[in-house]
PDB file of all heavy atoms in Angstrom:
ATOM      1  N   PRO A   1       4.929 -45.292  62.275  1.00  0.00           N
ATOM      2  CA  PRO A   1       3.491 -45.304  62.561  1.00  0.00           C
ATOM      3  C   PRO A   1       3.119 -44.495  63.794  1.00  0.00           C
ATOM      4  O   PRO A   1       2.155 -43.724  63.794  1.00  0.00           O
ATOM      5  CB  PRO A   1       3.179 -46.808  62.755  1.00  0.00           C
ATOM      6  CG  PRO A   1       4.150 -47.513  61.834  1.00  0.00           C
ATOM      7  CD  PRO A   1       5.424 -46.687  61.984  1.00  0.00           C
ATOM      8  N   LYS A   2       3.899 -44.620  64.869  1.00  0.00           N
ATOM      9  CA  LYS A   2       3.612 -43.875  66.093  1.00  0.00           C
ATOM     10  C   LYS A   2       3.866 -42.380  65.873  1.00  0.00           C
ATOM     11  O   LYS A   2       3.048 -41.525  66.284  1.00  0.00           O
ATOM     12  CB  LYS A   2       4.482 -44.365  67.251  1.00  0.00           C
ATOM     13  CG  LYS A   2       4.160 -43.679  68.595  1.00  0.00           C
ATOM     14  CD  LYS A   2       4.817 -44.352  69.749  1.00  0.00           C
ATOM     15  CE  LYS A   2       4.365 -43.754  71.083  1.00  0.00           C
ATOM     16  NZ  LYS A   2       2.933 -44.013  71.367  1.00  0.00           N
ATOM     17  N   MET A   3       4.951 -42.044  65.215  1.00  0.00           N
ATOM     18  CA  MET A   3       5.303 -40.623  64.999  1.00  0.00           C
ATOM     19  C   MET A   3       4.289 -39.929  64.081  1.00  0.00           C
ATOM     20  O   MET A   3       4.132 -38.707  64.174  1.00  0.00           O
ATOM     21  CB  MET A   3       6.726 -40.528  64.382  1.00  0.00           C
ATOM     22  CG  MET A   3       7.803 -40.857  65.334  1.00  0.00           C
ATOM     23  SD  MET A   3       9.416 -40.676  64.568  1.00  0.00           S
ATOM     24  CE  MET A   3      10.485 -41.025  65.977  1.00  0.00           C
ATOM     25  N   MET A   4       3.636 -40.701  63.217  1.00  0.00           N
ATOM     26  CA  MET A   4       2.626 -40.086  62.320  1.00  0.00           C
ATOM     27  C   MET A   4       1.214 -40.227  62.866  1.00  0.00           C
ATOM     28  O   MET A   4       0.238 -39.906  62.160  1.00  0.00           O
ATOM     29  CB  MET A   4       2.705 -40.726  60.919  1.00  0.00           C
ATOM     30  CG  MET A   4       4.067 -40.625  60.271  1.00  0.00           C
ATOM     31  SD  MET A   4       4.681 -38.953  60.070  1.00  0.00           S
ATOM     32  CE  MET A   4       3.678 -38.395  58.671  1.00  0.00           C
ATOM     33  N   GLY A   5       1.093 -40.738  64.100  1.00  0.00           N
ATOM     34  CA  GLY A   5      -0.225 -40.880  64.711  1.00  0.00           C
ATOM     35  C   GLY A   5      -1.081 -41.975  64.051  1.00  0.00           C
ATOM     36  O   GLY A   5      -2.310 -41.880  64.034  1.00  0.00           O
ATOM     37  N   LEU A   6      -0.429 -43.051  63.599  1.00  0.00           N
ATOM     38  CA  LEU A   6      -1.103 -44.098  62.837  1.00  0.00           C
ATOM     39  C   LEU A   6      -1.032 -45.454  63.496  1.00  0.00           C
ATOM     40  O   LEU A   6      -1.282 -46.477  62.840  1.00  0.00           O
ATOM     41  CB  LEU A   6      -0.531 -44.184  61.402  1.00  0.00           C
ATOM     42  CG  LEU A   6      -0.657 -42.901  60.536  1.00  0.00           C
ATOM     43  CD1 LEU A   6       0.090 -43.101  59.237  1.00  0.00           C
ATOM     44  CD2 LEU A   6      -2.119 -42.583  60.282  1.00  0.00           C
ATOM     45  N   GLU A   7      -0.677 -45.533  64.755  1.00  0.00           N
ATOM     46  CA  GLU A   7      -0.586 -46.828  65.454  1.00  0.00           C
ATOM     47  C   GLU A   7      -1.929 -47.545  65.405  1.00  0.00           C
ATOM     48  O   GLU A   7      -2.984 -46.909  65.619  1.00  0.00           O
ATOM     49  CB  GLU A   7      -0.144 -46.619  66.896  1.00  0.00           C
ATOM     50  CG  GLU A   7       1.335 -46.854  67.113  1.00  0.00           C
ATOM     51  CD  GLU A   7       1.693 -46.956  68.560  1.00  0.00           C
ATOM     52  OE1 GLU A   7       1.125 -46.244  69.403  1.00  0.00           O
ATOM     53  OE2 GLU A   7       2.600 -47.737  68.900  1.00  0.00           O
ATOM     54  N   GLY A   8      -1.890 -48.859  65.116  1.00  0.00           N
ATOM     55  CA  GLY A   8      -3.116 -49.628  65.090  1.00  0.00           C
ATOM     56  C   GLY A   8      -3.761 -49.698  63.710  1.00  0.00           C
ATOM     57  O   GLY A   8      -4.709 -50.461  63.496  1.00  0.00           O
ATOM     58  N   GLU A   9      -3.260 -48.876  62.763  1.00  0.00           N
ATOM     59  CA  GLU A   9      -3.815 -48.917  61.391  1.00  0.00           C
ATOM     60  C   GLU A   9      -3.336 -50.177  60.660  1.00  0.00           C
ATOM     61  O   GLU A   9      -2.288 -50.706  60.973  1.00  0.00           O
ATOM     62  CB  GLU A   9      -3.367 -47.662  60.623  1.00  0.00           C
ATOM     63  CG  GLU A   9      -3.914 -46.359  61.171  1.00  0.00           C
ATOM     64  CD  GLU A   9      -5.380 -46.191  60.888  1.00  0.00           C
ATOM     65  OE1 GLU A   9      -5.923 -46.894  59.989  1.00  0.00           O
ATOM     66  OE2 GLU A   9      -6.018 -45.342  61.556  1.00  0.00           O
ATOM     67  N   GLN A  10      -4.108 -50.608  59.713  1.00  0.00           N
ATOM     68  CA  GLN A  10      -3.791 -51.803  58.915  1.00  0.00           C
ATOM     69  C   GLN A  10      -3.683 -51.440  57.436  1.00  0.00           C
ATOM     70  O   GLN A  10      -4.257 -50.477  56.982  1.00  0.00           O
ATOM     71  CB  GLN A  10      -4.848 -52.855  59.109  1.00  0.00           C
ATOM     72  CG  GLN A  10      -5.040 -53.350  60.538  1.00  0.00           C
ATOM     73  CD  GLN A  10      -3.848 -54.156  61.045  1.00  0.00           C
ATOM     74  OE1 GLN A  10      -3.336 -55.023  60.322  1.00  0.00           O
ATOM     75  NE2 GLN A  10      -3.453 -53.887  62.267  1.00  0.00           N
ATOM     76  N   VAL A  11      -2.882 -52.236  56.708  1.00  0.00           N
ATOM     77  CA  VAL A  11      -2.731 -52.066  55.278  1.00  0.00           C
ATOM     78  C   VAL A  11      -3.923 -52.696  54.607  1.00  0.00           C
ATOM     79  O   VAL A  11      -4.341 -53.819  54.937  1.00  0.00           O
ATOM     80  CB  VAL A  11      -1.420 -52.704  54.775  1.00  0.00           C
ATOM     81  CG1 VAL A  11      -1.355 -52.675  53.254  1.00  0.00           C
ATOM     82  CG2 VAL A  11      -0.203 -51.973  55.367  1.00  0.00           C
ATOM     83  N   HIS A  12      -4.461 -52.014  53.578  1.00  0.00           N
ATOM     84  CA  HIS A  12      -5.609 -52.551  52.845  1.00  0.00           C
ATOM     85  C   HIS A  12      -5.171 -52.948  51.418  1.00  0.00           C
ATOM     86  O   HIS A  12      -4.363 -52.257  50.830  1.00  0.00           O
ATOM     87  CB  HIS A  12      -6.755 -51.543  52.796  1.00  0.00           C
ATOM     88  CG  HIS A  12      -7.282 -51.184  54.147  1.00  0.00           C
ATOM     89  ND1 HIS A  12      -8.098 -52.045  54.860  1.00  0.00           N
ATOM     90  CD2 HIS A  12      -7.117 -50.088  54.933  1.00  0.00           C
ATOM     91  CE1 HIS A  12      -8.427 -51.452  55.979  1.00  0.00           C
ATOM     92  NE2 HIS A  12      -7.816 -50.302  56.055  1.00  0.00           N
ATOM     93  N   GLN A  13      -5.673 -54.055  50.962  1.00  0.00           N
ATOM     94  CA  GLN A  13      -5.369 -54.548  49.647  1.00  0.00           C
ATOM     95  C   GLN A  13      -6.456 -54.118  48.662  1.00  0.00           C
ATOM     96  O   GLN A  13      -7.658 -54.149  48.975  1.00  0.00           O
ATOM     97  CB  GLN A  13      -5.316 -56.096  49.652  1.00  0.00           C
ATOM     98  CG  GLN A  13      -4.807 -56.722  48.383  1.00  0.00           C
ATOM     99  CD  GLN A  13      -3.297 -56.883  48.360  1.00  0.00           C
ATOM    100  OE1 GLN A  13      -2.690 -56.987  49.402  1.00  0.00           O
ATOM    101  NE2 GLN A  13      -2.738 -56.908  47.166  1.00  0.00           N
ATOM    102  N   SER A  14      -6.029 -53.622  47.482  1.00  0.00           N
ATOM    103  CA  SER A  14      -7.008 -53.281  46.435  1.00  0.00           C
ATOM    104  C   SER A  14      -6.552 -53.947  45.152  1.00  0.00           C
ATOM    105  O   SER A  14      -5.504 -54.598  45.114  1.00  0.00           O
ATOM    106  CB  SER A  14      -7.052 -51.752  46.252  1.00  0.00           C
ATOM    107  OG  SER A  14      -5.816 -51.264  45.732  1.00  0.00           O
ATOM    108  N   GLY A  15      -7.333 -53.758  44.106  1.00  0.00           N
ATOM    109  CA  GLY A  15      -6.963 -54.346  42.821  1.00  0.00           C
ATOM    110  C   GLY A  15      -5.659 -53.860  42.253  1.00  0.00           C
ATOM    111  O   GLY A  15      -5.001 -54.560  41.502  1.00  0.00           O
ATOM    112  N   SER A  16      -5.247 -52.640  42.680  1.00  0.00           N
ATOM    113  CA  SER A  16      -3.992 -52.055  42.183  1.00  0.00           C
ATOM    114  C   SER A  16      -2.824 -52.294  43.176  1.00  0.00           C
ATOM    115  O   SER A  16      -1.737 -51.761  42.907  1.00  0.00           O
ATOM    116  CB  SER A  16      -4.188 -50.568  41.909  1.00  0.00           C
ATOM    117  OG  SER A  16      -4.623 -49.929  43.078  1.00  0.00           O
ATOM    118  N   GLY A  17      -3.034 -53.039  44.213  1.00  0.00           N
ATOM    119  CA  GLY A  17      -1.950 -53.327  45.186  1.00  0.00           C
ATOM    120  C   GLY A  17      -2.295 -52.855  46.582  1.00  0.00           C
ATOM    121  O   GLY A  17      -3.453 -52.633  46.920  1.00  0.00           O
ATOM    122  N   TRP A  18      -1.267 -52.788  47.414  1.00  0.00           N
ATOM    123  CA  TRP A  18      -1.466 -52.294  48.783  1.00  0.00           C
ATOM    124  C   TRP A  18      -1.750 -50.799  48.771  1.00  0.00           C
ATOM    125  O   TRP A  18      -1.118 -50.056  48.031  1.00  0.00           O
ATOM    126  CB  TRP A  18      -0.206 -52.526  49.643  1.00  0.00           C
ATOM    127  CG  TRP A  18       0.001 -53.962  50.032  1.00  0.00           C
ATOM    128  CD1 TRP A  18      -0.869 -54.958  49.926  1.00  0.00           C
ATOM    129  CD2 TRP A  18       1.189 -54.488  50.671  1.00  0.00           C
ATOM    130  NE1 TRP A  18      -0.316 -56.126  50.432  1.00  0.00           N
ATOM    131  CE2 TRP A  18       0.956 -55.856  50.913  1.00  0.00           C
ATOM    132  CE3 TRP A  18       2.392 -53.964  51.040  1.00  0.00           C
ATOM    133  CZ2 TRP A  18       1.899 -56.694  51.480  1.00  0.00           C
ATOM    134  CZ3 TRP A  18       3.349 -54.782  51.641  1.00  0.00           C
ATOM    135  CH2 TRP A  18       3.073 -56.136  51.843  1.00  0.00           C
ATOM    136  N   SER A  19      -2.646 -50.381  49.594  1.00  0.00           N
ATOM    137  CA  SER A  19      -2.943 -48.913  49.716  1.00  0.00           C
ATOM    138  C   SER A  19      -2.173 -48.338  50.903  1.00  0.00           C
ATOM    139  O   SER A  19      -2.216 -48.909  51.984  1.00  0.00           O
ATOM    140  CB  SER A  19      -4.454 -48.681  49.896  1.00  0.00           C
ATOM    141  OG  SER A  19      -5.165 -49.168  48.818  1.00  0.00           O
ATOM    142  N   PRO A  20      -1.499 -47.213  50.723  1.00  0.00           N
ATOM    143  CA  PRO A  20      -0.818 -46.572  51.857  1.00  0.00           C
ATOM    144  C   PRO A  20      -1.823 -46.143  52.892  1.00  0.00           C
ATOM    145  O   PRO A  20      -3.016 -46.001  52.602  1.00  0.00           O
ATOM    146  CB  PRO A  20      -0.112 -45.369  51.244  1.00  0.00           C
ATOM    147  CG  PRO A  20      -0.113 -45.592  49.754  1.00  0.00           C
ATOM    148  CD  PRO A  20      -1.296 -46.451  49.465  1.00  0.00           C
ATOM    149  N   VAL A  21      -1.353 -45.946  54.130  1.00  0.00           N
ATOM    150  CA  VAL A  21      -2.243 -45.381  55.187  1.00  0.00           C
ATOM    151  C   VAL A  21      -2.040 -43.855  55.125  1.00  0.00           C
ATOM    152  O   VAL A  21      -0.925 -43.373  55.129  1.00  0.00           O
ATOM    153  CB  VAL A  21      -1.843 -45.958  56.542  1.00  0.00           C
ATOM    154  CG1 VAL A  21      -2.728 -45.340  57.645  1.00  0.00           C
ATOM    155  CG2 VAL A  21      -1.972 -47.460  56.546  1.00  0.00           C
ATOM    156  N   TYR A  22      -3.164 -43.128  55.090  1.00  0.00           N
ATOM    157  CA  TYR A  22      -3.061 -41.683  54.874  1.00  0.00           C
ATOM    158  C   TYR A  22      -3.230 -40.910  56.156  1.00  0.00           C
ATOM    159  O   TYR A  22      -4.131 -41.125  56.965  1.00  0.00           O
ATOM    160  CB  TYR A  22      -4.106 -41.226  53.869  1.00  0.00           C
ATOM    161  CG  TYR A  22      -3.699 -41.576  52.446  1.00  0.00           C
ATOM    162  CD1 TYR A  22      -4.029 -42.829  51.869  1.00  0.00           C
ATOM    163  CD2 TYR A  22      -2.911 -40.707  51.695  1.00  0.00           C
ATOM    164  CE1 TYR A  22      -3.646 -43.163  50.594  1.00  0.00           C
ATOM    165  CE2 TYR A  22      -2.502 -41.015  50.407  1.00  0.00           C
ATOM    166  CZ  TYR A  22      -2.888 -42.259  49.842  1.00  0.00           C
ATOM    167  OH  TYR A  22      -2.453 -42.605  48.608  1.00  0.00           O
ATOM    168  N   VAL A  23      -2.281 -39.940  56.365  1.00  0.00           N
ATOM    169  CA  VAL A  23      -2.371 -38.991  57.503  1.00  0.00           C
ATOM    170  C   VAL A  23      -3.250 -37.844  57.062  1.00  0.00           C
ATOM    171  O   VAL A  23      -4.128 -37.384  57.771  1.00  0.00           O
ATOM    172  CB  VAL A  23      -0.954 -38.456  57.840  1.00  0.00           C
ATOM    173  CG1 VAL A  23      -1.021 -37.534  59.055  1.00  0.00           C
ATOM    174  CG2 VAL A  23      -0.001 -39.571  58.118  1.00  0.00           C
ATOM    175  N   GLU A  24      -2.969 -37.344  55.886  1.00  0.00           N
ATOM    176  CA  GLU A  24      -3.785 -36.311  55.209  1.00  0.00           C
ATOM    177  C   GLU A  24      -4.082 -36.833  53.793  1.00  0.00           C
ATOM    178  O   GLU A  24      -3.485 -37.828  53.380  1.00  0.00           O
ATOM    179  CB  GLU A  24      -3.023 -34.991  55.123  1.00  0.00           C
ATOM    180  CG  GLU A  24      -2.454 -34.455  56.465  1.00  0.00           C
ATOM    181  CD  GLU A  24      -3.536 -33.892  57.365  1.00  0.00           C
ATOM    182  OE1 GLU A  24      -4.696 -33.688  56.854  1.00  0.00           O
ATOM    183  OE2 GLU A  24      -3.265 -33.644  58.520  1.00  0.00           O
ATOM    184  N   GLU A  25      -4.909 -36.122  53.095  1.00  0.00           N
ATOM    185  CA  GLU A  25      -5.227 -36.531  51.727  1.00  0.00           C
ATOM    186  C   GLU A  25      -3.984 -36.598  50.820  1.00  0.00           C
ATOM    187  O   GLU A  25      -3.938 -37.364  49.899  1.00  0.00           O
ATOM    188  CB  GLU A  25      -6.290 -35.605  51.105  1.00  0.00           C
ATOM    189  CG  GLU A  25      -7.714 -35.835  51.670  1.00  0.00           C
ATOM    190  CD  GLU A  25      -8.723 -35.053  50.907  1.00  0.00           C
ATOM    191  OE1 GLU A  25      -8.404 -34.464  49.850  1.00  0.00           O
ATOM    192  OE2 GLU A  25      -9.886 -34.989  51.353  1.00  0.00           O
ATOM    193  N   ASN A  26      -3.017 -35.724  51.164  1.00  0.00           N
ATOM    194  CA  ASN A  26      -1.793 -35.684  50.310  1.00  0.00           C
ATOM    195  C   ASN A  26      -0.569 -36.207  51.012  1.00  0.00           C
ATOM    196  O   ASN A  26       0.573 -35.904  50.637  1.00  0.00           O
ATOM    197  CB  ASN A  26      -1.546 -34.232  49.876  1.00  0.00           C
ATOM    198  CG  ASN A  26      -1.185 -33.300  51.039  1.00  0.00           C
ATOM    199  OD1 ASN A  26      -1.625 -33.515  52.154  1.00  0.00           O
ATOM    200  ND2 ASN A  26      -0.376 -32.297  50.760  1.00  0.00           N
ATOM    201  N   LEU A  27      -0.744 -37.049  52.075  1.00  0.00           N
ATOM    202  CA  LEU A  27       0.373 -37.631  52.775  1.00  0.00           C
ATOM    203  C   LEU A  27       0.098 -39.071  53.112  1.00  0.00           C
ATOM    204  O   LEU A  27      -0.699 -39.378  54.083  1.00  0.00           O
ATOM    205  CB  LEU A  27       0.694 -36.802  54.039  1.00  0.00           C
ATOM    206  CG  LEU A  27       1.808 -37.352  54.971  1.00  0.00           C
ATOM    207  CD1 LEU A  27       3.092 -37.637  54.197  1.00  0.00           C
ATOM    208  CD2 LEU A  27       2.064 -36.363  56.104  1.00  0.00           C
ATOM    209  N   GLY A  28       0.696 -40.014  52.356  1.00  0.00           N
ATOM    210  CA  GLY A  28       0.529 -41.435  52.603  1.00  0.00           C
ATOM    211  C   GLY A  28       1.751 -42.074  53.221  1.00  0.00           C
ATOM    212  O   GLY A  28       2.865 -41.614  52.979  1.00  0.00           O
ATOM    213  N   VAL A  29       1.541 -43.116  54.024  1.00  0.00           N
ATOM    214  CA  VAL A  29       2.630 -43.755  54.790  1.00  0.00           C
ATOM    215  C   VAL A  29       2.532 -45.282  54.593  1.00  0.00           C
ATOM    216  O   VAL A  29       1.446 -45.862  54.551  1.00  0.00           O
ATOM    217  CB  VAL A  29       2.533 -43.439  56.280  1.00  0.00           C
ATOM    218  CG1 VAL A  29       3.661 -44.107  57.050  1.00  0.00           C
ATOM    219  CG2 VAL A  29       2.534 -41.936  56.517  1.00  0.00           C
ATOM    220  N   MET A  30       3.747 -45.936  54.503  1.00  0.00           N
ATOM    221  CA  MET A  30       3.801 -47.375  54.483  1.00  0.00           C
ATOM    222  C   MET A  30       4.922 -47.821  55.431  1.00  0.00           C
ATOM    223  O   MET A  30       6.022 -47.267  55.396  1.00  0.00           O
ATOM    224  CB  MET A  30       4.031 -47.926  53.101  1.00  0.00           C
ATOM    225  CG  MET A  30       4.048 -49.460  52.984  1.00  0.00           C
ATOM    226  SD  MET A  30       2.599 -50.240  53.656  1.00  0.00           S
ATOM    227  CE  MET A  30       1.347 -49.757  52.459  1.00  0.00           C
ATOM    228  N   SER A  31       4.614 -48.854  56.261  1.00  0.00           N
ATOM    229  CA  SER A  31       5.613 -49.350  57.207  1.00  0.00           C
ATOM    230  C   SER A  31       5.292 -50.779  57.566  1.00  0.00           C
ATOM    231  O   SER A  31       4.113 -51.194  57.501  1.00  0.00           O
ATOM    232  CB  SER A  31       5.596 -48.499  58.482  1.00  0.00           C
ATOM    233  OG  SER A  31       6.323 -49.101  59.516  1.00  0.00           O
ATOM    234  N   VAL A  32       6.328 -51.550  57.917  1.00  0.00           N
ATOM    235  CA  VAL A  32       6.077 -52.900  58.441  1.00  0.00           C
ATOM    236  C   VAL A  32       5.288 -52.884  59.694  1.00  0.00           C
ATOM    237  O   VAL A  32       4.606 -53.851  60.058  1.00  0.00           O
ATOM    238  CB  VAL A  32       7.443 -53.642  58.634  1.00  0.00           C
ATOM    239  CG1 VAL A  32       8.191 -53.081  59.816  1.00  0.00           C
ATOM    240  CG2 VAL A  32       7.214 -55.157  58.826  1.00  0.00           C
ATOM    241  N   GLY A  33       5.274 -51.733  60.391  1.00  0.00           N
ATOM    242  CA  GLY A  33       4.480 -51.603  61.617  1.00  0.00           C
ATOM    243  C   GLY A  33       3.012 -51.828  61.392  1.00  0.00           C
ATOM    244  O   GLY A  33       2.294 -52.265  62.319  1.00  0.00           O
ATOM    245  N   PHE A  34       2.505 -51.585  60.161  1.00  0.00           N
ATOM    246  CA  PHE A  34       1.104 -51.797  59.857  1.00  0.00           C
ATOM    247  C   PHE A  34       0.782 -53.263  59.632  1.00  0.00           C
ATOM    248  O   PHE A  34      -0.374 -53.622  59.550  1.00  0.00           O
ATOM    249  CB  PHE A  34       0.708 -50.998  58.592  1.00  0.00           C
ATOM    250  CG  PHE A  34       0.897 -49.510  58.696  1.00  0.00           C
ATOM    251  CD1 PHE A  34       1.397 -48.788  57.617  1.00  0.00           C
ATOM    252  CD2 PHE A  34       0.559 -48.833  59.864  1.00  0.00           C
ATOM    253  CE1 PHE A  34       1.577 -47.406  57.735  1.00  0.00           C
ATOM    254  CE2 PHE A  34       0.753 -47.459  59.968  1.00  0.00           C
ATOM    255  CZ  PHE A  34       1.252 -46.741  58.876  1.00  0.00           C
ATOM    256  N   LEU A  35       1.835 -54.078  59.499  1.00  0.00           N
ATOM    257  CA  LEU A  35       1.648 -55.517  59.229  1.00  0.00           C
ATOM    258  C   LEU A  35       1.739 -56.363  60.498  1.00  0.00           C
ATOM    259  O   LEU A  35       1.527 -57.568  60.446  1.00  0.00           O
ATOM    260  CB  LEU A  35       2.669 -56.005  58.214  1.00  0.00           C
ATOM    261  CG  LEU A  35       2.767 -55.241  56.879  1.00  0.00           C
ATOM    262  CD1 LEU A  35       3.890 -55.772  56.031  1.00  0.00           C
ATOM    263  CD2 LEU A  35       1.416 -55.299  56.128  1.00  0.00           C
ATOM    264  N   LEU A  36       2.091 -55.725  61.620  1.00  0.00           N
ATOM    265  CA  LEU A  36       2.274 -56.432  62.889  1.00  0.00           C
ATOM    266  C   LEU A  36       0.962 -56.448  63.669  1.00  0.00           C
ATOM    267  O   LEU A  36       0.192 -55.498  63.643  1.00  0.00           O
ATOM    268  CB  LEU A  36       3.376 -55.808  63.710  1.00  0.00           C
ATOM    269  CG  LEU A  36       4.757 -55.668  63.029  1.00  0.00           C
ATOM    270  CD1 LEU A  36       5.744 -54.958  63.959  1.00  0.00           C
ATOM    271  CD2 LEU A  36       5.308 -57.070  62.652  1.00  0.00           C
ATOM    272  N   SER A  37       0.715 -57.540  64.414  1.00  0.00           N
ATOM    273  CA  SER A  37      -0.491 -57.610  65.231  1.00  0.00           C
ATOM    274  C   SER A  37      -0.444 -56.698  66.441  1.00  0.00           C
ATOM    275  O   SER A  37      -1.459 -56.287  66.982  1.00  0.00           O
ATOM    276  CB  SER A  37      -0.724 -59.073  65.664  1.00  0.00           C
ATOM    277  OG  SER A  37       0.352 -59.565  66.402  1.00  0.00           O
ATOM    278  N   SER A  38       0.794 -56.366  66.865  1.00  0.00           N
ATOM    279  CA  SER A  38       0.959 -55.497  68.015  1.00  0.00           C
ATOM    280  C   SER A  38       2.233 -54.673  67.847  1.00  0.00           C
ATOM    281  O   SER A  38       3.219 -55.140  67.294  1.00  0.00           O
ATOM    282  CB  SER A  38       1.092 -56.307  69.320  1.00  0.00           C
ATOM    283  OG  SER A  38       1.662 -55.549  70.376  1.00  0.00           O
ATOM    284  N   PRO A  39       2.237 -53.418  68.318  1.00  0.00           N
ATOM    285  CA  PRO A  39       3.467 -52.580  68.229  1.00  0.00           C
ATOM    286  C   PRO A  39       4.649 -53.208  68.987  1.00  0.00           C
ATOM    287  O   PRO A  39       5.804 -52.849  68.725  1.00  0.00           O
ATOM    288  CB  PRO A  39       3.067 -51.262  68.840  1.00  0.00           C
ATOM    289  CG  PRO A  39       1.584 -51.227  68.823  1.00  0.00           C
ATOM    290  CD  PRO A  39       1.137 -52.662  68.929  1.00  0.00           C
ATOM    291  N   ASP A  40       4.359 -54.087  69.903  1.00  0.00           N
ATOM    292  CA  ASP A  40       5.411 -54.736  70.724  1.00  0.00           C
ATOM    293  C   ASP A  40       5.997 -55.977  70.091  1.00  0.00           C
ATOM    294  O   ASP A  40       6.970 -56.554  70.619  1.00  0.00           O
ATOM    295  CB  ASP A  40       4.884 -55.098  72.101  1.00  0.00           C
ATOM    296  CG  ASP A  40       4.425 -53.869  72.875  1.00  0.00           C
ATOM    297  OD1 ASP A  40       4.971 -52.786  72.654  1.00  0.00           O
ATOM    298  OD2 ASP A  40       3.509 -53.987  73.722  1.00  0.00           O
ATOM    299  N   ASP A  41       5.412 -56.414  68.935  1.00  0.00           N
ATOM    300  CA  ASP A  41       5.934 -57.609  68.249  1.00  0.00           C
ATOM    301  C   ASP A  41       7.356 -57.358  67.724  1.00  0.00           C
ATOM    302  O   ASP A  41       7.625 -56.305  67.097  1.00  0.00           O
ATOM    303  CB  ASP A  41       5.032 -58.016  67.108  1.00  0.00           C
ATOM    304  CG  ASP A  41       3.742 -58.688  67.572  1.00  0.00           C
ATOM    305  OD1 ASP A  41       3.663 -58.965  68.790  1.00  0.00           O
ATOM    306  OD2 ASP A  41       2.885 -58.965  66.708  1.00  0.00           O
ATOM    307  N   ALA A  42       8.252 -58.321  67.946  1.00  0.00           N
ATOM    308  CA  ALA A  42       9.602 -58.208  67.412  1.00  0.00           C
ATOM    309  C   ALA A  42       9.625 -58.791  66.009  1.00  0.00           C
ATOM    310  O   ALA A  42       9.030 -59.826  65.738  1.00  0.00           O
ATOM    311  CB  ALA A  42      10.581 -58.974  68.277  1.00  0.00           C
ATOM    312  N   VAL A  43      10.361 -58.129  65.093  1.00  0.00           N
ATOM    313  CA  VAL A  43      10.562 -58.623  63.737  1.00  0.00           C
ATOM    314  C   VAL A  43      11.957 -59.300  63.714  1.00  0.00           C
ATOM    315  O   VAL A  43      12.971 -58.617  63.781  1.00  0.00           O
ATOM    316  CB  VAL A  43      10.472 -57.511  62.709  1.00  0.00           C
ATOM    317  CG1 VAL A  43      10.726 -58.066  61.289  1.00  0.00           C
ATOM    318  CG2 VAL A  43       9.116 -56.826  62.777  1.00  0.00           C
TER     319      VAL A  43
END
């Protein structure tokens, strides 16, 4: 998430499932980092 400039983004739920977080229209990203309340949270 940090390397792609997406820190603080959240995953959105739709009827077809989780939606990736998009950097560009043709580049989507998924990470557990999007599910944490803070980047400093330990998993």
